[in-house]
Amino acid sequence: MKIAITGDTRASRQELVIRSVAAGLDMMNSVSARTSVVVTNHPAAGSGKLHRAVVAFAADRQE
């Protein structure tokens, strides 16, 4: 499963990556149509990465 992290997080980004990789997840620096999950503390924050994830999800649902 491919995941991306956006925005501020309580745990350090490095710690989140270590935990995710140990759990067998594939960490991504950017969002694409292949991203399964975007992790954020503030879903309404409107980061560019989160916006791209929503657009990619909507496009995928229309196909």
Protein backbone atom coordinates (compact mmCIF):
# COMPACT_ATOMS: atom_id res chain seq x y z
CA MET A 1 0.00 0.00 0.00
CA LYS A 2 1.38 3.40 -0.98
CA ILE A 3 0.99 6.22 1.54
CA ALA A 4 1.99 9.87 1.71
CA ILE A 5 2.18 12.24 4.69
CA THR A 6 1.27 15.92 4.48
CA GLY A 7 1.23 18.78 6.95
CA ASP A 8 2.37 18.91 10.55
CA THR A 9 2.40 15.70 12.56
CA ARG A 10 2.87 14.96 16.25
CA ALA A 11 5.52 12.32 15.61
CA SER A 12 8.54 13.25 13.53
CA ARG A 13 8.32 12.51 9.83
CA GLN A 14 11.31 10.18 10.18
CA GLU A 15 9.57 8.18 12.92
CA LEU A 16 6.41 7.88 10.82
CA VAL A 17 8.43 6.63 7.86
CA ILE A 18 10.27 4.06 10.01
CA ARG A 19 6.99 2.76 11.46
CA SER A 20 5.29 2.66 8.08
CA VAL A 21 8.11 0.81 6.34
CA ALA A 22 8.30 -1.67 9.25
CA ALA A 23 4.58 -2.32 8.73
CA GLY A 24 5.23 -3.10 5.06
CA LEU A 25 3.90 0.15 3.63
CA ASP A 26 5.47 1.97 0.68
CA MET A 27 6.15 5.60 1.59
CA MET A 28 5.82 8.21 -1.13
CA ASN A 29 7.02 11.83 -1.18
CA SER A 30 4.32 12.90 -3.60
CA VAL A 31 0.74 11.95 -4.43
CA SER A 32 -0.37 10.15 -7.57
CA ALA A 33 -3.29 8.05 -8.70
CA ARG A 34 -1.47 5.08 -7.12
CA THR A 35 -1.48 6.60 -3.62
CA SER A 36 -3.71 4.57 -1.31
CA VAL A 37 -3.69 6.76 1.81
CA VAL A 38 -2.76 10.36 2.63
CA VAL A 39 -2.00 10.93 6.33
CA THR A 40 -2.74 14.38 7.75
CA ASN A 41 -3.65 15.92 11.10
CA HIS A 42 -5.74 18.62 9.43
CA PRO A 43 -7.86 17.34 6.51
CA ALA A 44 -9.27 20.83 5.91
CA ALA A 45 -5.80 22.45 5.79
CA GLY A 46 -5.80 22.43 2.01
CA SER A 47 -2.17 21.49 1.35
CA GLY A 48 -1.20 20.98 -2.28
CA LYS A 49 -0.47 17.31 -1.66
CA LEU A 50 -3.89 16.76 -0.10
CA HIS A 51 -5.61 18.62 -2.94
CA ARG A 52 -3.82 16.46 -5.54
CA ALA A 53 -4.92 13.33 -3.66
CA VAL A 54 -8.57 14.42 -3.72
CA VAL A 55 -8.38 15.25 -7.44
CA ALA A 56 -6.70 11.92 -8.24
CA PHE A 57 -9.31 10.04 -6.19
CA ALA A 58 -12.18 11.81 -7.92
CA ALA A 59 -10.70 11.12 -11.36
CA ASP A 60 -10.19 7.45 -10.49
CA ARG A 61 -13.80 7.13 -9.32
CA GLN A 62 -15.09 8.50 -12.63
CA GLU A 63 -13.26 5.90 -14.73
